[in-house]
């Protein structure tokens, strides 16, 4: 176990905050958000942090940001509640839309007296002091925060930190990656056009009239969670510790070998199954073995729905695997096969247009909520190409989330090929058990099989 370092404070020039509007006139209108965009579950910003060895010219970055916002003009707008929505349930139940007004994104310049190498050394774990890399906008509500915030922090070594906050209601991980690559492209090639034009209209995911729910998505519920058995609430009420587990190709092969009888599965499926099982086994709570628990994970459905090329709205659904606790924590160490099959079954349901349409229609009812009460939620960043973003001075030394949460992230391993890094925060009382379940009980076996020499890094834990 290692201790996270406390970063020095950022210093700012006299006028650190600049509003970057689009560099050319953009359409002024209200942009409809689909029911998938408008979920309360997604009313937050996706926060990426990049560590680059070399600083990119600040003026070039501002100029290219202004240029890319011409194409991605909704990110230069502002969220608001639909005035036509007259729900009796109050403002929180009103549907959101984007006021495409061209106001611009927020760009912040800062300096920190630290080197890129020092940051990379301590980058395995998000920690609270990394929040210094993102300017905090004082606001009364979620709607008052601009959909796009960028902070560029120069480092003492000549490197830089690029931190972005992009509103999840406007786009998902695929869309944010598309935007960041477009910005990088216009930074390095300012006289060219974008290779992929963003598709703005969300009406391709408009609910049917009347809404028709032929297939139910178990990731959602209308009922209130049982206050006696709400894992999510119980976990969040405790001090949380970010954990990080890195799996390279050797470890992934080893995991797949534990799937008895042999089962063909993807890297995501085996690691998701292993993480869910380990998480449940490590919960330090008095839970009934008959309790049904869930694994929720994002599945991109763009190809299933034949969404237009460049669609950068939320084009994913939460797939849901379900199991009784007793089947996940039983003494049968070979039940990984069972858990992988659950993940595969959940994943396959999203490959159905009617299932997707039914979920969109289901969310027309604003009393429907994402059921996180007894769930582990996984978001996959490892296949989005985020680590390949290059603004002209080379790819990042590190890319990851700004902070860690109870939601689990699968991250790419820079320079690690098909490796995957699993990051999730758990209660301090759960850390030791979770570490053992995720990796500690492998060490002797891997040693016996002469695999430990490959450098198994799945026992990295850090305390805030």
Protein backbone atom coordinates (compact mmCIF):
# COMPACT_ATOMS: atom_id res chain seq x y z
CA UNK A 1 0.00 0.00 0.00
CA UNK A 2 1.20 3.51 -0.78
CA UNK A 3 0.32 7.00 0.35
CA UNK A 4 -0.99 9.49 -2.22
CA UNK A 5 0.98 12.73 -2.34
CA UNK A 6 -0.63 16.08 -1.63
CA UNK A 7 -0.08 18.27 -4.67
CA UNK A 8 1.06 21.90 -4.35
CA UNK A 9 -1.53 24.56 -5.09
CA UNK A 10 -2.01 25.91 -8.58
CA UNK A 11 -1.12 29.54 -9.19
CA UNK A 12 -3.10 31.59 -11.68
CA UNK A 13 -2.41 34.65 -13.82
CA UNK A 14 -4.41 37.78 -13.08
CA UNK A 15 -7.21 36.72 -15.42
CA UNK A 16 -7.11 32.92 -15.40
CA UNK A 17 -10.58 32.32 -16.83
CA UNK A 18 -11.36 32.94 -20.49
CA UNK A 19 -14.62 32.26 -22.28
CA UNK A 20 -13.88 30.70 -25.68
CA UNK A 21 -16.85 31.17 -28.04
CA UNK A 22 -17.02 29.50 -31.46
CA UNK A 23 -14.79 31.29 -33.98
CA UNK A 24 -17.66 31.64 -36.48
CA UNK A 25 -21.43 32.14 -36.21
CA UNK A 26 -23.32 29.00 -35.14
CA UNK A 27 -27.02 28.05 -35.27
CA UNK A 28 -29.14 29.47 -32.47
CA UNK A 29 -31.84 27.05 -31.42
CA UNK A 30 -32.97 24.66 -28.71
CA UNK A 31 -31.44 21.19 -29.02
CA UNK A 32 -33.68 18.31 -28.01
CA UNK A 33 -32.05 15.79 -25.66
CA UNK A 34 -33.11 12.17 -25.90
CA UNK A 35 -34.46 10.32 -22.88
CA UNK A 36 -31.08 8.61 -22.64
CA UNK A 37 -29.30 12.00 -22.54
CA UNK A 38 -31.77 13.33 -20.00
CA UNK A 39 -31.39 10.66 -17.31
CA UNK A 40 -30.76 12.01 -13.82
CA UNK A 41 -28.08 9.34 -13.60
CA UNK A 42 -26.09 11.34 -16.19
CA UNK A 43 -26.45 14.82 -14.73
CA UNK A 44 -22.75 15.32 -14.11
CA UNK A 45 -19.59 16.09 -16.07
CA UNK A 46 -17.12 13.47 -17.34
CA UNK A 47 -13.75 14.65 -16.06
CA UNK A 48 -10.58 13.56 -17.88
CA UNK A 49 -7.03 14.40 -16.83
CA UNK A 50 -4.07 14.11 -19.21
CA UNK A 51 -0.37 14.43 -18.37
CA UNK A 52 1.75 15.55 -21.34
CA UNK A 53 5.55 15.70 -21.43
CA UNK A 54 5.56 18.94 -23.44
CA UNK A 55 3.45 22.08 -23.25
CA UNK A 56 1.39 22.89 -26.33
CA UNK A 57 1.27 26.54 -27.39
CA UNK A 58 -1.56 28.09 -25.39
CA UNK A 59 -2.75 30.38 -28.18
CA UNK A 60 -2.89 27.46 -30.61
CA UNK A 61 -5.05 25.50 -28.17
CA UNK A 62 -7.44 28.40 -27.67
CA UNK A 63 -7.68 29.05 -31.39
CA UNK A 64 -8.36 25.41 -32.24
CA UNK A 65 -10.90 25.14 -29.41
CA UNK A 66 -12.79 28.12 -30.83
CA UNK A 67 -12.65 26.47 -34.25
CA UNK A 68 -13.86 23.03 -33.10
CA UNK A 69 -16.75 24.64 -31.22
CA UNK A 70 -18.11 25.80 -34.56
CA UNK A 71 -18.77 22.15 -35.37
CA UNK A 72 -19.55 21.07 -31.80
CA UNK A 73 -21.57 24.22 -31.07
CA UNK A 74 -23.94 22.63 -28.47
CA UNK A 75 -20.92 22.36 -26.14
CA UNK A 76 -20.69 26.16 -26.38
CA UNK A 77 -24.33 26.47 -25.29
CA UNK A 78 -26.01 26.11 -21.92
CA UNK A 79 -28.37 23.52 -20.42
CA UNK A 80 -31.83 24.62 -19.33
CA UNK A 81 -35.17 23.10 -18.40
CA UNK A 82 -37.76 22.87 -21.15
CA UNK A 83 -40.27 25.66 -20.57
CA UNK A 84 -42.97 23.57 -22.26
CA UNK A 85 -42.60 20.82 -19.66
CA UNK A 86 -45.21 21.58 -16.99
CA UNK A 87 -44.78 18.55 -14.76
CA UNK A 88 -46.40 18.85 -11.36
CA UNK A 89 -43.41 17.15 -9.73
CA UNK A 90 -41.25 20.26 -9.68
CA UNK A 91 -38.22 21.52 -11.56
CA UNK A 92 -36.17 18.38 -10.92
CA UNK A 93 -38.57 16.35 -13.05
CA UNK A 94 -38.54 18.72 -16.01
CA UNK A 95 -36.87 17.59 -19.18
CA UNK A 96 -33.62 19.30 -20.15
CA UNK A 97 -32.58 20.82 -23.46
CA UNK A 98 -29.56 22.70 -24.74
CA UNK A 99 -29.85 26.41 -25.45
CA UNK A 100 -27.45 26.63 -28.39
CA UNK A 101 -26.50 30.27 -27.83
CA UNK A 102 -22.78 30.24 -28.68
CA UNK A 103 -21.72 31.56 -25.27
CA UNK A 104 -18.63 29.37 -25.32
CA UNK A 105 -16.59 27.00 -23.21
CA UNK A 106 -14.58 27.92 -20.13
CA UNK A 107 -10.78 27.91 -20.55
CA UNK A 108 -8.55 28.26 -17.49
CA UNK A 109 -4.78 28.76 -17.36
CA UNK A 110 -2.75 27.73 -14.32
CA UNK A 111 0.75 26.75 -13.18
CA UNK A 112 1.91 24.09 -10.71
CA UNK A 113 5.44 23.68 -9.40
CA UNK A 114 5.79 19.96 -10.09
CA UNK A 115 7.09 17.83 -12.96
CA UNK A 116 5.24 15.50 -15.29
CA UNK A 117 7.42 12.57 -14.17
CA UNK A 118 6.53 13.21 -10.52
CA UNK A 119 2.85 13.22 -11.38
CA UNK A 120 3.07 10.05 -13.46
CA UNK A 121 4.82 8.30 -10.59
CA UNK A 122 1.79 8.95 -8.40
CA UNK A 123 -0.91 8.65 -11.07
CA UNK A 124 -1.99 5.08 -10.36
CA UNK A 125 -4.63 6.38 -7.97
CA UNK A 126 -6.90 9.40 -8.34
CA UNK A 127 -6.80 11.44 -5.14
CA UNK A 128 -8.57 14.47 -3.78
CA UNK A 129 -5.72 16.91 -4.39
CA UNK A 130 -5.91 16.25 -8.15
CA UNK A 131 -9.09 18.31 -8.11
CA UNK A 132 -6.78 21.33 -8.21
CA UNK A 133 -6.39 20.61 -11.92
CA UNK A 134 -9.99 21.63 -12.61
CA UNK A 135 -11.33 25.10 -11.96
CA UNK A 136 -14.37 24.99 -9.68
CA UNK A 137 -17.27 27.00 -11.04
CA UNK A 138 -19.36 28.53 -8.28
CA UNK A 139 -22.94 27.76 -9.17
CA UNK A 140 -26.38 27.37 -7.67
CA UNK A 141 -27.23 24.27 -9.69
CA UNK A 142 -26.00 21.78 -12.25
CA UNK A 143 -27.53 23.92 -15.00
CA UNK A 144 -25.35 26.93 -14.19
CA UNK A 145 -22.13 25.08 -15.04
CA UNK A 146 -20.98 25.43 -18.68
CA UNK A 147 -21.12 22.09 -20.56
CA UNK A 148 -17.41 22.40 -21.37
CA UNK A 149 -14.67 23.41 -18.94
CA UNK A 150 -10.95 23.14 -19.74
CA UNK A 151 -8.02 23.82 -17.45
CA UNK A 152 -4.49 23.80 -18.83
CA UNK A 153 -1.87 23.66 -16.08
CA UNK A 154 1.73 24.33 -17.07
CA UNK A 155 4.34 22.35 -15.14
CA UNK A 156 7.82 23.30 -13.97
CA UNK A 157 9.43 20.77 -16.35
CA UNK A 158 7.84 22.27 -19.46
CA UNK A 159 5.04 19.74 -19.52
CA UNK A 160 1.33 20.27 -19.00
CA UNK A 161 -1.82 18.89 -17.47
CA UNK A 162 -4.95 19.09 -19.59
CA UNK A 163 -8.14 18.58 -17.62
CA UNK A 164 -11.56 18.65 -19.25
CA UNK A 165 -15.07 18.49 -17.82
CA UNK A 166 -17.69 17.63 -20.45
CA UNK A 167 -21.35 17.41 -19.53
CA UNK A 168 -22.61 13.83 -19.75
CA UNK A 169 -26.10 14.97 -20.75
CA UNK A 170 -24.64 16.10 -24.09
CA UNK A 171 -22.44 13.14 -24.89
CA UNK A 172 -21.08 9.80 -23.71
CA UNK A 173 -17.54 8.42 -23.69
CA UNK A 174 -17.56 7.79 -27.44
CA UNK A 175 -18.74 11.35 -28.05
CA UNK A 176 -16.20 12.92 -25.71
CA UNK A 177 -13.40 10.97 -27.39
CA UNK A 178 -14.69 12.11 -30.77
CA UNK A 179 -14.66 15.73 -29.58
CA UNK A 180 -11.17 15.57 -28.04
CA UNK A 181 -9.72 13.97 -31.17
CA UNK A 182 -11.40 16.66 -33.30
CA UNK A 183 -9.89 19.41 -31.11
CA UNK A 184 -6.46 17.79 -31.31
CA UNK A 185 -6.78 17.43 -35.08
CA UNK A 186 -7.53 21.13 -35.56
CA UNK A 187 -4.63 22.02 -33.25
CA UNK A 188 -2.13 20.12 -35.37
CA UNK A 189 -3.80 20.77 -38.74
CA UNK A 190 -5.68 24.09 -38.44
CA UNK A 191 -6.28 24.49 -42.17
CA UNK A 192 -8.08 21.16 -42.60
CA UNK A 193 -11.62 19.98 -42.01
CA UNK A 194 -12.74 17.39 -39.50
CA UNK A 195 -12.60 13.79 -40.70
CA UNK A 196 -15.84 13.03 -38.80
CA UNK A 197 -18.55 15.67 -38.67
CA UNK A 198 -20.63 15.60 -35.49
CA UNK A 199 -24.29 14.65 -35.88
CA UNK A 200 -26.42 16.88 -33.67
CA UNK A 201 -30.04 15.72 -33.93
CA UNK A 202 -31.22 13.42 -31.15
CA UNK A 203 -34.63 12.77 -32.73
CA UNK A 204 -33.34 9.43 -34.02
CA UNK A 205 -33.88 8.27 -30.41
CA UNK A 206 -37.26 9.95 -29.93
CA UNK A 207 -39.78 7.83 -27.97
CA UNK A 208 -42.62 6.21 -29.82
CA UNK A 209 -46.15 7.59 -29.49
CA UNK A 210 -47.59 6.16 -27.44
CA UNK A 211 -44.58 4.80 -25.53
CA UNK A 212 -44.49 1.02 -25.91
CA UNK A 213 -42.54 -1.11 -23.45
CA UNK A 214 -42.38 -4.61 -24.88
CA UNK A 215 -39.11 -5.56 -23.18
CA UNK A 216 -38.18 -4.41 -19.67
CA UNK A 217 -34.64 -3.30 -18.81
CA UNK A 218 -33.88 -4.47 -15.22
CA UNK A 219 -31.32 -1.67 -14.83
CA UNK A 220 -34.28 0.64 -14.13
CA UNK A 221 -36.99 0.67 -11.50
CA UNK A 222 -40.00 2.72 -10.41
CA UNK A 223 -39.92 1.46 -6.85
CA UNK A 224 -37.96 3.00 -4.01
CA UNK A 225 -34.95 0.98 -2.80
CA UNK A 226 -35.29 -0.94 0.44
CA UNK A 227 -33.80 1.41 3.08
CA UNK A 228 -32.56 -1.64 5.01
CA UNK A 229 -30.64 -3.04 2.02
CA UNK A 230 -29.19 -0.20 -0.02
CA UNK A 231 -25.57 -1.06 -0.75
CA UNK A 232 -24.96 2.11 -2.72
CA UNK A 233 -26.14 4.38 0.09
CA UNK A 234 -24.31 2.36 2.76
CA UNK A 235 -21.02 2.44 0.83
CA UNK A 236 -21.25 6.16 0.12
CA UNK A 237 -21.84 6.89 3.80
CA UNK A 238 -18.37 5.54 4.66
CA UNK A 239 -14.86 6.94 4.05
CA UNK A 240 -13.83 5.71 0.61
CA UNK A 241 -10.42 4.55 -0.60
CA UNK A 242 -9.50 4.52 -4.32
CA UNK A 243 -8.17 1.18 -5.48
CA UNK A 244 -6.39 0.36 -8.73
CA UNK A 245 -5.74 -3.04 -10.31
CA UNK A 246 -3.80 -3.39 -13.56
CA UNK A 247 -4.23 -6.49 -15.70
CA UNK A 248 -1.91 -7.15 -18.64
CA UNK A 249 -2.47 -9.75 -21.36
CA UNK A 250 -0.80 -12.49 -19.30
CA UNK A 251 -3.13 -11.91 -16.37
CA UNK A 252 -6.16 -11.82 -18.65
CA UNK A 253 -5.20 -15.18 -20.15
CA UNK A 254 -4.73 -16.53 -16.63
CA UNK A 255 -8.20 -15.31 -15.64
CA UNK A 256 -9.76 -16.94 -18.67
CA UNK A 257 -8.10 -20.23 -17.72
CA UNK A 258 -9.97 -20.11 -14.42
CA UNK A 259 -13.25 -20.17 -16.33
CA UNK A 260 -14.12 -23.84 -15.98
CA UNK A 261 -15.49 -25.35 -18.14
CA UNK A 262 -13.69 -23.37 -20.85
CA UNK A 263 -15.71 -20.48 -22.23
CA UNK A 264 -14.93 -18.12 -25.09
CA UNK A 265 -15.20 -14.58 -23.75
CA UNK A 266 -13.84 -11.07 -24.27
CA UNK A 267 -11.39 -9.23 -22.04
CA UNK A 268 -14.19 -6.98 -20.80
CA UNK A 269 -16.45 -9.91 -19.96
CA UNK A 270 -13.85 -11.80 -17.91
CA UNK A 271 -12.60 -8.74 -15.99
CA UNK A 272 -16.13 -7.45 -15.39
CA UNK A 273 -17.18 -10.84 -14.03
CA UNK A 274 -14.08 -11.13 -11.85
CA UNK A 275 -14.48 -7.57 -10.50
CA UNK A 276 -18.18 -7.98 -9.70
CA UNK A 277 -17.59 -11.28 -7.93
CA UNK A 278 -14.65 -9.85 -5.97
CA UNK A 279 -16.63 -6.74 -5.02
CA UNK A 280 -19.59 -8.74 -3.70
CA UNK A 281 -17.34 -11.16 -1.81
CA UNK A 282 -15.57 -8.21 -0.14
CA UNK A 283 -18.60 -6.31 1.11
CA UNK A 284 -18.29 -5.95 4.85
CA UNK A 285 -22.04 -5.82 5.42
CA UNK A 286 -24.60 -8.23 6.91
CA UNK A 287 -26.43 -9.18 3.73
CA UNK A 288 -28.93 -12.00 3.14
CA UNK A 289 -27.52 -14.61 0.77
CA UNK A 290 -30.82 -14.67 -1.12
CA UNK A 291 -30.52 -10.94 -1.93
CA UNK A 292 -30.52 -10.22 -5.65
CA UNK A 293 -27.59 -7.99 -6.67
CA UNK A 294 -26.82 -6.39 -10.01
CA UNK A 295 -23.94 -5.48 -12.28
CA UNK A 296 -24.69 -2.51 -14.53
CA UNK A 297 -22.34 -1.74 -17.41
CA UNK A 298 -22.43 0.50 -20.45
CA UNK A 299 -22.89 -1.01 -23.92
CA UNK A 300 -22.50 1.09 -27.07
CA UNK A 301 -25.49 0.47 -29.38
CA UNK A 302 -24.62 2.79 -32.27
CA UNK A 303 -24.27 -0.05 -34.78
CA UNK A 304 -27.41 -1.86 -33.54
CA UNK A 305 -29.53 1.26 -34.04
CA UNK A 306 -27.62 2.29 -37.15
CA UNK A 307 -27.07 5.76 -35.71
CA UNK A 308 -25.61 8.31 -38.14
CA UNK A 309 -21.84 8.53 -38.34
CA UNK A 310 -20.55 11.16 -35.93
CA UNK A 311 -23.50 10.80 -33.52
CA UNK A 312 -22.01 12.09 -30.27
CA UNK A 313 -25.04 12.04 -27.99
CA UNK A 314 -25.48 9.25 -25.47
CA UNK A 315 -25.52 6.12 -27.61
CA UNK A 316 -25.30 3.48 -24.92
CA UNK A 317 -27.53 1.51 -22.60
CA UNK A 318 -26.84 0.06 -19.19
CA UNK A 319 -26.85 -3.72 -19.49
CA UNK A 320 -27.84 -5.53 -16.31
CA UNK A 321 -26.57 -8.86 -14.97
CA UNK A 322 -28.36 -10.22 -11.90
CA UNK A 323 -27.58 -12.91 -9.36
CA UNK A 324 -28.27 -13.95 -5.80
CA UNK A 325 -25.35 -13.22 -3.48
CA UNK A 326 -25.03 -16.90 -2.56
CA UNK A 327 -24.19 -17.74 -6.17
CA UNK A 328 -21.44 -15.10 -6.29
CA UNK A 329 -19.82 -15.74 -2.93
CA UNK A 330 -20.20 -19.52 -2.68
CA UNK A 331 -17.28 -21.78 -1.91
CA UNK A 332 -17.15 -22.96 -5.50
CA UNK A 333 -14.05 -21.16 -6.77
CA UNK A 334 -14.85 -22.25 -10.30
CA UNK A 335 -18.06 -20.22 -10.51
CA UNK A 336 -16.34 -17.63 -12.72
CA UNK A 337 -17.89 -19.48 -15.68
CA UNK A 338 -21.33 -18.80 -14.20
CA UNK A 339 -20.61 -15.09 -13.68
CA UNK A 340 -19.17 -14.59 -17.18
CA UNK A 341 -22.30 -16.18 -18.65
CA UNK A 342 -24.41 -13.66 -16.74
CA UNK A 343 -22.36 -10.79 -18.16
CA UNK A 344 -22.62 -12.20 -21.69
CA UNK A 345 -26.37 -12.65 -21.38
CA UNK A 346 -26.82 -9.07 -20.15
CA UNK A 347 -24.62 -7.76 -22.95
CA UNK A 348 -26.54 -9.68 -25.62
CA UNK A 349 -29.85 -8.09 -24.64
CA UNK A 350 -28.61 -4.70 -25.83
CA UNK A 351 -28.06 -6.12 -29.33
CA UNK A 352 -31.80 -5.83 -29.92
CA UNK A 353 -33.43 -2.74 -31.43
CA UNK A 354 -36.75 -3.41 -29.71
CA UNK A 355 -35.00 -3.66 -26.32
CA UNK A 356 -33.36 -0.28 -26.91
CA UNK A 357 -36.61 1.31 -28.12
CA UNK A 358 -38.45 -0.08 -25.11
CA UNK A 359 -35.87 1.44 -22.75
CA UNK A 360 -36.15 4.83 -24.46
CA UNK A 361 -39.93 4.62 -24.09
CA UNK A 362 -39.63 3.47 -20.47
CA UNK A 363 -37.62 6.61 -19.65
CA UNK A 364 -40.46 8.80 -20.87
CA UNK A 365 -41.81 8.14 -17.38
CA UNK A 366 -39.73 10.47 -15.17
CA UNK A 367 -40.46 8.37 -12.07
CA UNK A 368 -38.23 5.64 -13.52
CA UNK A 369 -34.74 5.68 -12.02
CA UNK A 370 -31.50 3.79 -12.55
CA UNK A 371 -31.42 1.03 -9.95
CA UNK A 372 -28.06 1.48 -8.23
CA UNK A 373 -29.25 0.38 -4.78
CA UNK A 374 -27.66 -3.07 -4.92
CA UNK A 375 -25.49 -2.58 -7.99
CA UNK A 376 -21.88 -2.26 -9.04
CA UNK A 377 -21.72 0.10 -12.04
CA UNK A 378 -18.92 -0.27 -14.60
CA UNK A 379 -18.05 2.27 -17.30
CA UNK A 380 -15.58 1.17 -19.95
CA UNK A 381 -13.02 3.79 -21.06
CA UNK A 382 -10.48 1.27 -22.27
CA UNK A 383 -11.75 1.00 -25.86
CA UNK A 384 -12.50 4.66 -26.65
CA UNK A 385 -9.08 5.75 -27.97
CA UNK A 386 -8.84 8.45 -25.30
CA UNK A 387 -5.18 7.63 -24.68
CA UNK A 388 -4.34 8.36 -28.35
CA UNK A 389 -5.26 12.06 -28.25
CA UNK A 390 -2.25 14.08 -29.51
CA UNK A 391 -2.19 17.88 -29.68
CA UNK A 392 1.11 17.92 -31.56
CA UNK A 393 3.70 17.28 -28.84
CA UNK A 394 3.14 13.55 -28.42
CA UNK A 395 0.56 11.34 -26.76
CA UNK A 396 -0.12 11.58 -23.04
CA UNK A 397 2.07 9.93 -20.42
CA UNK A 398 -1.10 9.34 -18.44
CA UNK A 399 -4.84 9.53 -19.05
CA UNK A 400 -7.50 8.82 -16.46
CA UNK A 401 -10.34 10.19 -14.37
CA UNK A 402 -9.82 13.29 -12.25
CA UNK A 403 -11.27 11.55 -9.19
CA UNK A 404 -12.36 8.10 -8.14
CA UNK A 405 -15.93 7.14 -7.26
CA UNK A 406 -18.01 4.14 -6.24
CA UNK A 407 -18.66 3.67 -9.95
CA UNK A 408 -16.00 1.42 -11.46
CA UNK A 409 -13.91 2.50 -14.47
CA UNK A 410 -12.04 0.25 -16.90
CA UNK A 411 -9.14 2.34 -18.19
CA UNK A 412 -6.56 1.80 -20.93
CA UNK A 413 -2.98 1.05 -19.89
CA UNK A 414 -0.72 3.47 -21.75
CA UNK A 415 1.99 1.46 -23.43
CA UNK A 416 0.34 -1.68 -22.14
CA UNK A 417 -1.30 -3.01 -25.30
CA UNK A 418 -4.58 -4.68 -24.43
CA UNK A 419 -4.07 -4.19 -20.69
CA UNK A 420 -6.89 -2.85 -18.53
CA UNK A 421 -6.71 -0.84 -15.32
CA UNK A 422 -9.66 -1.17 -12.96
CA UNK A 423 -10.29 1.85 -10.72
CA UNK A 424 -13.00 1.99 -8.08
CA UNK A 425 -13.39 3.47 -4.61
CA UNK A 426 -14.48 1.17 -1.78
CA UNK A 427 -14.97 1.61 1.97
CA UNK A 428 -11.73 1.44 3.94
CA UNK A 429 -13.04 -1.58 5.83
CA UNK A 430 -13.37 -3.43 2.51
CA UNK A 431 -9.96 -2.65 1.01
CA UNK A 432 -7.96 -5.59 2.35
CA UNK A 433 -10.56 -8.16 1.37
CA UNK A 434 -11.09 -6.57 -2.06
CA UNK A 435 -7.36 -6.56 -2.71
CA UNK A 436 -7.19 -10.26 -1.81
CA UNK A 437 -10.16 -11.19 -3.98
CA UNK A 438 -8.91 -9.20 -6.97
CA UNK A 439 -5.28 -10.35 -6.84
CA UNK A 440 -3.87 -11.58 -3.53
CA UNK A 441 -5.09 -15.16 -3.85
CA UNK A 442 -3.43 -15.48 -7.25
CA UNK A 443 0.16 -14.85 -6.27
CA UNK A 444 1.07 -18.38 -5.19
CA UNK A 445 -0.71 -19.93 -8.17
CA UNK A 446 0.96 -17.57 -10.63
CA UNK A 447 4.29 -18.24 -8.98
CA UNK A 448 3.74 -21.96 -9.36
CA UNK A 449 2.93 -21.42 -13.03
CA UNK A 450 5.97 -19.17 -13.50
CA UNK A 451 3.76 -16.20 -14.39
CA UNK A 452 4.60 -13.81 -11.58
CA UNK A 453 7.83 -12.82 -13.36
CA UNK A 454 5.67 -10.96 -15.87
CA UNK A 455 5.03 -8.30 -13.25
CA UNK A 456 1.50 -8.69 -11.90
CA UNK A 457 0.45 -5.21 -10.80
CA UNK A 458 -2.99 -6.02 -9.43
CA UNK A 459 -2.25 -5.21 -5.79
CA UNK A 460 -1.85 -1.46 -5.90
CA UNK A 461 -3.80 0.34 -3.18
CA UNK A 462 -3.65 3.96 -2.11
CA UNK A 463 -5.16 5.81 0.85
CA UNK A 464 -6.34 9.41 0.50
